[in-house]
N, C-alpha and C. Protein backbone atom coordinates (compact mmCIF):
# COMPACT_ATOMS: atom_id res chain seq x y z
N UNK A 1 -47.58 -0.40 -6.49
CA UNK A 1 -46.59 -1.66 -7.00
C UNK A 1 -46.23 -2.55 -6.36
N UNK A 2 -46.70 -4.11 -6.85
CA UNK A 2 -46.37 -5.05 -6.07
C UNK A 2 -44.92 -5.12 -6.11
N UNK A 3 -44.31 -6.10 -5.05
CA UNK A 3 -42.85 -5.77 -4.80
C UNK A 3 -41.71 -6.19 -6.05
N UNK A 4 -42.48 -7.51 -6.67
CA UNK A 4 -42.00 -8.45 -7.29
C UNK A 4 -42.01 -7.76 -9.25
N UNK A 5 -43.07 -6.74 -9.12
CA UNK A 5 -42.97 -6.10 -10.41
C UNK A 5 -42.29 -4.98 -10.46
N UNK A 6 -42.18 -4.41 -9.57
CA UNK A 6 -41.36 -3.51 -9.03
C UNK A 6 -39.79 -4.08 -9.27
N UNK A 7 -39.12 -5.75 -9.15
CA UNK A 7 -37.71 -5.71 -9.49
C UNK A 7 -37.99 -6.31 -10.56
N UNK A 8 -38.59 -6.86 -10.62
CA UNK A 8 -38.94 -6.72 -12.95
C UNK A 8 -38.62 -5.40 -13.43
N UNK A 9 -39.23 -4.43 -13.33
CA UNK A 9 -38.84 -3.73 -14.23
C UNK A 9 -37.39 -2.76 -13.35
N UNK A 10 -37.36 -3.08 -12.67
CA UNK A 10 -35.83 -2.74 -12.22
C UNK A 10 -34.84 -3.58 -13.07
N UNK A 11 -34.63 -4.52 -12.80
CA UNK A 11 -33.93 -5.46 -14.23
C UNK A 11 -33.95 -5.17 -15.38
N UNK A 12 -35.30 -5.22 -15.44
CA UNK A 12 -34.91 -4.60 -17.29
C UNK A 12 -34.56 -3.50 -17.47
N UNK A 13 -34.87 -2.41 -16.47
CA UNK A 13 -33.99 -0.89 -17.03
C UNK A 13 -32.34 -0.86 -15.97
N UNK A 14 -31.90 -1.49 -15.04
CA UNK A 14 -30.76 -1.89 -14.89
C UNK A 14 -29.94 -1.67 -16.10
N UNK A 15 -28.67 -0.66 -15.89
CA UNK A 15 -27.50 -0.55 -16.77
C UNK A 15 -28.30 -0.55 -18.17
N UNK A 16 -28.60 0.30 -18.30
CA UNK A 16 -29.58 0.31 -20.19
C UNK A 16 -29.46 1.79 -19.60
N UNK A 17 -28.87 3.09 -20.71
CA UNK A 17 -28.38 4.60 -20.24
C UNK A 17 -29.38 4.97 -21.33
N UNK A 18 -29.92 4.42 -22.17
CA UNK A 18 -31.63 4.22 -23.09
C UNK A 18 -32.05 3.31 -22.88
N UNK A 19 -33.71 4.02 -22.87
CA UNK A 19 -34.63 2.25 -23.08
C UNK A 19 -34.67 1.99 -24.48
N UNK A 20 -34.96 0.60 -24.39
CA UNK A 20 -34.86 -0.34 -25.71
C UNK A 20 -36.34 0.08 -25.65
N UNK A 21 -36.75 -0.21 -26.83
CA UNK A 21 -38.61 -0.11 -27.14
C UNK A 21 -39.54 -0.80 -26.86
N UNK A 22 -39.05 -2.47 -26.37
CA UNK A 22 -39.76 -2.59 -25.25
C UNK A 22 -39.47 -1.90 -23.72
N UNK A 23 -38.64 -2.02 -23.25
CA UNK A 23 -39.15 -0.58 -22.31
C UNK A 23 -39.58 0.41 -22.24
N UNK A 24 -39.34 1.15 -23.49
CA UNK A 24 -40.58 2.30 -23.82
C UNK A 24 -41.67 1.61 -23.40
N UNK A 25 -42.44 1.33 -24.07
CA UNK A 25 -43.78 -0.08 -23.88
C UNK A 25 -43.83 -0.21 -22.44
N UNK A 26 -43.29 -0.80 -21.59
CA UNK A 26 -43.11 -0.68 -20.57
C UNK A 26 -43.27 0.30 -19.46
N UNK A 27 -42.61 1.35 -19.47
CA UNK A 27 -42.45 2.49 -19.17
C UNK A 27 -44.02 3.76 -19.03
N UNK A 28 -44.29 3.54 -20.13
CA UNK A 28 -45.49 4.03 -20.43
C UNK A 28 -46.61 3.48 -20.52
N UNK A 29 -46.34 1.65 -19.90
CA UNK A 29 -48.18 1.38 -19.52
C UNK A 29 -47.84 1.69 -18.32
N UNK A 30 -47.37 1.92 -17.53
CA UNK A 30 -46.99 2.27 -15.99
C UNK A 30 -48.22 3.48 -15.85
N UNK A 31 -48.59 3.40 -14.50
CA UNK A 31 -49.10 4.56 -13.86
C UNK A 31 -47.99 5.72 -13.23
N UNK A 32 -48.60 7.42 -13.79
CA UNK A 32 -47.84 8.28 -13.78
C UNK A 32 -47.29 8.30 -12.35
N UNK A 33 -47.69 8.41 -10.83
CA UNK A 33 -46.93 8.03 -10.34
C UNK A 33 -45.66 6.81 -10.49
N UNK A 34 -45.51 5.71 -10.85
CA UNK A 34 -45.05 4.72 -10.62
C UNK A 34 -44.22 5.24 -11.89
N UNK A 35 -44.19 5.74 -12.83
CA UNK A 35 -43.39 6.02 -14.04
C UNK A 35 -42.16 6.99 -13.44
N UNK A 36 -42.78 8.48 -12.97
CA UNK A 36 -41.87 8.90 -12.14
C UNK A 36 -41.46 8.82 -11.28
N UNK A 37 -41.61 7.34 -10.28
CA UNK A 37 -40.69 7.27 -9.21
C UNK A 37 -39.89 5.96 -9.73
N UNK A 38 -39.86 5.56 -10.85
CA UNK A 38 -38.72 4.32 -11.45
C UNK A 38 -37.64 5.23 -11.89
N UNK A 39 -38.79 6.68 -12.90
CA UNK A 39 -37.45 7.05 -13.66
C UNK A 39 -36.71 8.48 -12.62
N UNK A 40 -36.85 8.66 -11.57
CA UNK A 40 -35.96 8.97 -10.81
C UNK A 40 -35.08 8.48 -10.00
N UNK A 41 -35.60 7.11 -10.00
CA UNK A 41 -34.40 5.90 -9.12
C UNK A 41 -33.39 5.90 -9.69
N UNK A 42 -32.17 6.00 -8.90
CA UNK A 42 -30.97 5.83 -9.07
C UNK A 42 -31.15 4.36 -9.33
N UNK A 43 -30.88 3.58 -10.14
CA UNK A 43 -30.30 1.85 -10.41
C UNK A 43 -29.13 2.03 -9.39
N UNK A 44 -28.17 2.77 -9.21
CA UNK A 44 -26.58 2.42 -8.96
C UNK A 44 -26.99 2.27 -7.75
N UNK A 45 -27.90 3.04 -6.79
CA UNK A 45 -27.62 2.93 -5.35
C UNK A 45 -29.33 1.95 -5.15
N UNK A 46 -30.17 1.78 -6.03
CA UNK A 46 -30.88 0.22 -5.88
C UNK A 46 -30.26 -0.40 -4.51
N UNK A 47 -31.14 -1.15 -3.80
CA UNK A 47 -30.56 -2.49 -2.97
C UNK A 47 -32.11 -3.53 -2.93
N UNK A 48 -31.42 -4.44 -3.20
CA UNK A 48 -32.63 -5.01 -3.69
C UNK A 48 -33.38 -6.00 -2.61
N UNK A 49 -34.46 -6.48 -2.71
CA UNK A 49 -35.60 -6.45 -1.73
C UNK A 49 -35.49 -7.73 -1.74
N UNK A 50 -35.32 -8.87 -2.52
CA UNK A 50 -35.29 -10.22 -2.52
C UNK A 50 -34.19 -10.55 -2.08
N UNK A 51 -34.14 -11.93 -1.72
CA UNK A 51 -32.50 -12.64 -1.08
C UNK A 51 -32.20 -13.30 -2.48
N UNK A 52 -32.69 -13.65 -3.41
CA UNK A 52 -32.67 -14.23 -4.46
C UNK A 52 -31.64 -13.05 -5.30
N UNK A 53 -32.27 -11.41 -5.51
CA UNK A 53 -31.31 -10.97 -6.03
C UNK A 53 -30.67 -10.07 -5.77
N UNK A 54 -30.74 -10.18 -4.71
CA UNK A 54 -29.76 -9.97 -3.60
C UNK A 54 -28.01 -11.37 -3.81
N UNK A 55 -28.35 -12.27 -3.61
CA UNK A 55 -27.11 -13.43 -4.17
C UNK A 55 -26.56 -13.07 -5.21
N UNK A 56 -27.91 -13.31 -6.04
CA UNK A 56 -27.13 -13.23 -7.42
C UNK A 56 -26.69 -11.76 -7.89
N UNK A 57 -26.77 -10.75 -7.43
CA UNK A 57 -26.17 -9.61 -8.01
C UNK A 57 -24.58 -9.02 -6.92
N UNK A 58 -24.90 -10.17 -5.78
CA UNK A 58 -23.95 -9.55 -4.99
C UNK A 58 -22.62 -10.15 -5.18
N UNK A 59 -22.99 -11.82 -5.80
CA UNK A 59 -22.16 -12.82 -6.24
C UNK A 59 -21.29 -12.41 -7.77
N UNK A 60 -21.97 -11.28 -8.75
CA UNK A 60 -21.62 -10.43 -9.18
C UNK A 60 -20.72 -9.30 -9.50
N UNK A 61 -21.21 -8.55 -7.99
CA UNK A 61 -20.17 -7.84 -7.94
C UNK A 61 -19.03 -8.32 -6.83
N UNK A 62 -19.02 -8.94 -6.10
CA UNK A 62 -17.79 -9.58 -5.29
C UNK A 62 -16.94 -10.13 -6.23
N UNK A 63 -17.37 -11.00 -7.45
CA UNK A 63 -16.65 -11.92 -8.76
C UNK A 63 -16.05 -10.48 -9.16
N UNK A 64 -16.78 -9.17 -9.52
CA UNK A 64 -15.65 -8.24 -10.21
C UNK A 64 -15.08 -7.36 -9.36
N UNK A 65 -15.39 -7.17 -7.90
CA UNK A 65 -14.30 -6.37 -7.01
C UNK A 65 -13.00 -7.35 -6.89
N UNK A 66 -13.77 -8.55 -6.75
CA UNK A 66 -12.15 -9.58 -7.13
C UNK A 66 -11.19 -9.59 -7.95
N UNK A 67 -11.23 -9.26 -8.93
CA UNK A 67 -11.35 -9.50 -10.80
C UNK A 67 -9.81 -8.47 -10.68
N UNK A 68 -10.93 -6.85 -10.17
CA UNK A 68 -10.02 -6.01 -10.30
C UNK A 68 -9.29 -5.82 -9.25
N UNK A 69 -9.37 -5.80 -8.04
CA UNK A 69 -8.04 -6.11 -7.13
C UNK A 69 -7.18 -6.72 -7.82
N UNK A 70 -7.05 -7.49 -8.21
CA UNK A 70 -6.08 -8.79 -8.96
C UNK A 70 -5.55 -8.05 -10.00
N UNK A 71 -5.82 -7.25 -10.79
CA UNK A 71 -5.77 -6.67 -11.64
C UNK A 71 -4.65 -5.36 -11.48
N UNK A 72 -4.83 -4.65 -10.50
CA UNK A 72 -4.96 -3.57 -9.53
C UNK A 72 -3.42 -4.02 -8.84
N UNK A 73 -3.46 -5.16 -8.10
CA UNK A 73 -2.10 -5.54 -7.64
C UNK A 73 -1.59 -6.16 -8.56
N UNK A 74 -1.41 -7.20 -9.93
CA UNK A 74 -0.57 -7.32 -10.80
C UNK A 74 -0.07 -5.76 -10.94
N UNK A 75 -0.27 -5.39 -11.70
CA UNK A 75 -0.45 -3.71 -12.71
C UNK A 75 0.97 -3.07 -11.40
N UNK A 76 0.30 -2.39 -10.20
CA UNK A 76 1.30 -2.27 -9.02
C UNK A 76 2.35 -3.25 -8.85
N UNK A 77 2.65 -4.40 -9.37
CA UNK A 77 3.99 -4.93 -9.00
C UNK A 77 5.15 -4.89 -10.66
N UNK A 78 4.25 -4.91 -11.06
CA UNK A 78 5.26 -3.80 -12.72
C UNK A 78 5.51 -2.67 -12.77
N UNK A 79 5.29 -2.24 -11.50
CA UNK A 79 5.19 -0.78 -11.48
C UNK A 79 6.66 -0.47 -10.77
N UNK A 80 6.31 -1.61 -8.99
CA UNK A 80 7.65 -1.29 -8.47
C UNK A 80 8.65 -1.95 -8.93
N UNK A 81 9.00 -3.62 -10.37
CA UNK A 81 9.77 -3.76 -10.43
C UNK A 81 9.90 -3.10 -11.97
N UNK A 82 9.30 -2.20 -12.39
CA UNK A 82 10.32 -0.96 -12.88
C UNK A 82 10.68 -0.12 -12.54
N UNK A 83 10.47 0.38 -11.82
CA UNK A 83 11.16 1.33 -10.34
C UNK A 83 12.33 0.68 -9.94
N UNK A 84 12.17 -0.78 -9.91
CA UNK A 84 13.74 -1.31 -9.28
C UNK A 84 14.65 -1.76 -10.16
N UNK A 85 14.16 -1.94 -11.39
CA UNK A 85 14.90 -2.26 -12.36
C UNK A 85 15.51 -0.73 -12.74
N UNK A 86 15.23 0.24 -13.35
CA UNK A 86 15.15 1.79 -13.30
C UNK A 86 16.18 2.13 -12.51
N UNK A 87 16.37 2.27 -11.12
CA UNK A 87 17.20 2.25 -9.77
C UNK A 87 18.75 1.78 -10.20
N UNK A 88 18.21 0.20 -10.66
CA UNK A 88 19.62 -0.79 -10.48
C UNK A 88 19.99 -0.51 -11.75
N UNK A 89 19.67 -0.26 -12.92
CA UNK A 89 20.37 -0.26 -14.08
C UNK A 89 20.27 1.45 -14.83
N UNK A 90 19.53 2.05 -14.18
CA UNK A 90 19.34 3.17 -15.30
C UNK A 90 17.94 3.06 -15.66
N UNK A 91 18.27 4.81 -16.77
CA UNK A 91 16.36 4.96 -17.23
C UNK A 91 16.54 3.27 -18.29
N UNK A 92 15.19 2.64 -18.63
CA UNK A 92 14.82 1.91 -19.22
C UNK A 92 14.67 2.22 -21.17
N UNK A 93 14.86 1.69 -21.64
CA UNK A 93 14.47 1.58 -22.94
C UNK A 93 13.63 1.17 -23.22
N UNK A 94 12.08 1.78 -23.88
CA UNK A 94 10.66 2.11 -24.10
C UNK A 94 10.72 -0.31 -24.45
N UNK A 95 11.26 -0.49 -24.80
CA UNK A 95 11.57 -2.00 -25.60
C UNK A 95 11.27 -2.47 -24.09
N UNK A 96 12.31 -2.34 -23.10
CA UNK A 96 12.41 -3.34 -21.80
C UNK A 96 10.76 -2.72 -20.43
N UNK A 97 10.89 -1.45 -21.45
CA UNK A 97 9.55 -1.26 -20.25
C UNK A 97 8.17 -2.38 -20.90
N UNK A 98 8.57 -2.26 -22.16
CA UNK A 98 7.30 -3.52 -22.70
C UNK A 98 7.36 -4.69 -22.26
N UNK A 99 9.04 -5.37 -22.20
CA UNK A 99 8.83 -6.64 -22.22
C UNK A 99 8.30 -6.95 -20.56
N UNK A 100 8.76 -5.40 -19.83
CA UNK A 100 8.17 -5.96 -18.50
C UNK A 100 6.73 -5.63 -18.43
N UNK A 101 6.05 -5.11 -19.27
CA UNK A 101 5.02 -4.84 -18.73
C UNK A 101 3.96 -6.04 -20.02
N UNK A 102 4.16 -6.80 -20.89
CA UNK A 102 3.83 -7.49 -21.43
C UNK A 102 4.01 -9.14 -21.23
N UNK A 103 4.40 -9.21 -20.00
CA UNK A 103 4.77 -10.80 -19.36
C UNK A 103 3.51 -10.90 -18.41
N UNK A 104 3.40 -12.22 -18.18
CA UNK A 104 2.95 -12.58 -17.04
C UNK A 104 2.79 -12.15 -15.47
N UNK A 105 1.74 -12.76 -14.68
CA UNK A 105 2.14 -12.33 -13.19
C UNK A 105 3.45 -12.67 -12.53
N UNK A 106 3.51 -14.05 -12.91
CA UNK A 106 4.30 -15.40 -12.73
C UNK A 106 5.82 -14.87 -13.06
N UNK A 107 5.97 -14.24 -14.11
CA UNK A 107 7.04 -13.82 -14.87
C UNK A 107 7.43 -12.15 -14.67
N UNK A 108 6.78 -11.61 -13.76
CA UNK A 108 6.82 -10.52 -13.34
C UNK A 108 7.50 -10.83 -11.89
N UNK A 109 6.96 -11.76 -11.30
CA UNK A 109 7.86 -12.25 -9.95
C UNK A 109 8.55 -12.63 -10.25
N UNK A 110 9.36 -13.63 -11.25
CA UNK A 110 10.67 -14.11 -12.02
C UNK A 110 11.81 -12.84 -11.73
N UNK A 111 11.35 -11.80 -13.08
CA UNK A 111 12.21 -10.93 -13.13
C UNK A 111 12.65 -9.83 -12.18
N UNK A 112 11.76 -9.92 -10.39
CA UNK A 112 11.47 -9.21 -9.26
C UNK A 112 12.82 -9.99 -8.96
N UNK A 113 13.32 -11.62 -8.59
CA UNK A 113 13.62 -12.43 -8.02
C UNK A 113 14.93 -12.47 -8.72
N UNK A 114 15.25 -12.14 -10.25
CA UNK A 114 16.83 -12.18 -10.99
C UNK A 114 17.51 -10.84 -10.63
N UNK A 115 16.50 -9.45 -10.90
CA UNK A 115 16.80 -8.55 -10.37
C UNK A 115 17.79 -8.03 -9.26
N UNK A 116 17.99 -9.47 -8.33
CA UNK A 116 18.33 -8.87 -7.19
C UNK A 116 20.77 -9.81 -7.38
N UNK A 117 19.54 -9.91 -8.27
CA UNK A 117 21.42 -11.31 -8.19
C UNK A 117 22.19 -10.69 -10.15
N UNK A 118 21.51 -10.06 -10.62
CA UNK A 118 21.58 -9.44 -11.85
C UNK A 118 22.52 -8.89 -12.33
N UNK A 119 23.67 -8.99 -13.20
CA UNK A 119 24.88 -8.00 -13.10
C UNK A 119 24.31 -6.98 -14.42
N UNK A 120 23.56 -7.16 -15.14
CA UNK A 120 22.72 -6.56 -16.64
C UNK A 120 21.56 -6.84 -16.84
N UNK A 121 20.93 -5.47 -17.07
CA UNK A 121 19.69 -5.53 -17.41
C UNK A 121 18.88 -6.71 -17.93
N UNK A 122 19.72 -7.17 -19.31
CA UNK A 122 19.70 -8.00 -20.25
C UNK A 122 19.08 -10.08 -19.75
N UNK A 123 20.09 -9.07 -18.45
CA UNK A 123 20.46 -10.93 -17.34
C UNK A 123 19.05 -10.73 -16.43
N UNK A 124 18.68 -9.65 -15.99
CA UNK A 124 17.33 -9.46 -14.79
C UNK A 124 15.99 -10.12 -15.96
N UNK A 125 16.36 -9.65 -17.15
CA UNK A 125 15.08 -9.98 -18.25
C UNK A 125 15.25 -11.24 -18.94
N UNK A 126 15.85 -11.67 -18.78
CA UNK A 126 16.55 -12.99 -19.29
C UNK A 126 16.57 -13.01 -21.18
N UNK A 127 16.61 -11.47 -21.78
CA UNK A 127 17.14 -11.02 -23.18
C UNK A 127 18.65 -11.68 -23.30
N UNK A 128 17.75 -12.15 -24.58
CA UNK A 128 18.59 -13.29 -25.46
C UNK A 128 18.84 -11.94 -26.69
N UNK A 129 20.49 -12.12 -27.42
CA UNK A 129 21.00 -11.22 -28.05
C UNK A 129 19.55 -11.02 -29.26
N UNK A 130 18.39 -11.79 -30.12
CA UNK A 130 17.60 -11.59 -30.67
C UNK A 130 16.52 -10.87 -30.09
N UNK A 131 16.39 -10.83 -29.25
CA UNK A 131 15.25 -10.24 -27.97
C UNK A 131 15.81 -8.85 -27.69
N UNK A 132 16.97 -7.91 -27.79
CA UNK A 132 17.29 -7.09 -27.65
C UNK A 132 17.39 -6.09 -28.92
N UNK A 133 17.13 -5.04 -28.72
CA UNK A 133 16.71 -4.48 -30.05
C UNK A 133 18.16 -3.71 -30.76
N UNK A 134 17.87 -3.45 -31.93
CA UNK A 134 19.57 -3.77 -33.16
C UNK A 134 20.28 -1.68 -32.51
N UNK A 135 19.85 -1.38 -31.50
CA UNK A 135 20.56 -0.26 -31.37
C UNK A 135 21.60 -0.50 -29.88
N UNK A 136 20.96 -1.82 -29.17
CA UNK A 136 21.16 -2.01 -28.13
C UNK A 136 22.39 -3.19 -28.20
N UNK A 137 22.50 -3.87 -29.36
CA UNK A 137 23.67 -4.75 -29.72
C UNK A 137 24.67 -4.97 -29.51
């Protein structure tokens, strides 16, 4: 099977748990040996042969990994700030936890800085009276 056809078929079937009708037609038009080889192939472990495919999919993979790393780091910062707030002010209400989890990364950093000098949890979170749950007022 020519290399370009092989790559085209892999692109067609990549990330498809079930074959679409056009995929089924193509698969059934292949010689038996090619069909078995394609069905046995683990698309997740396939290494692209062309420079274009390596570059194209490599960029997507790198971008996805960078995005996942950034999200993981942001979630880690939130968890650290929650732990610091709990250590300093005691058990946090669900509202306080939601407040920390619901802010931007920059605001998490601001909360982390404020908790170093804030005398109260409300001050660290910059909660106004209307932001606090009725039970805490």
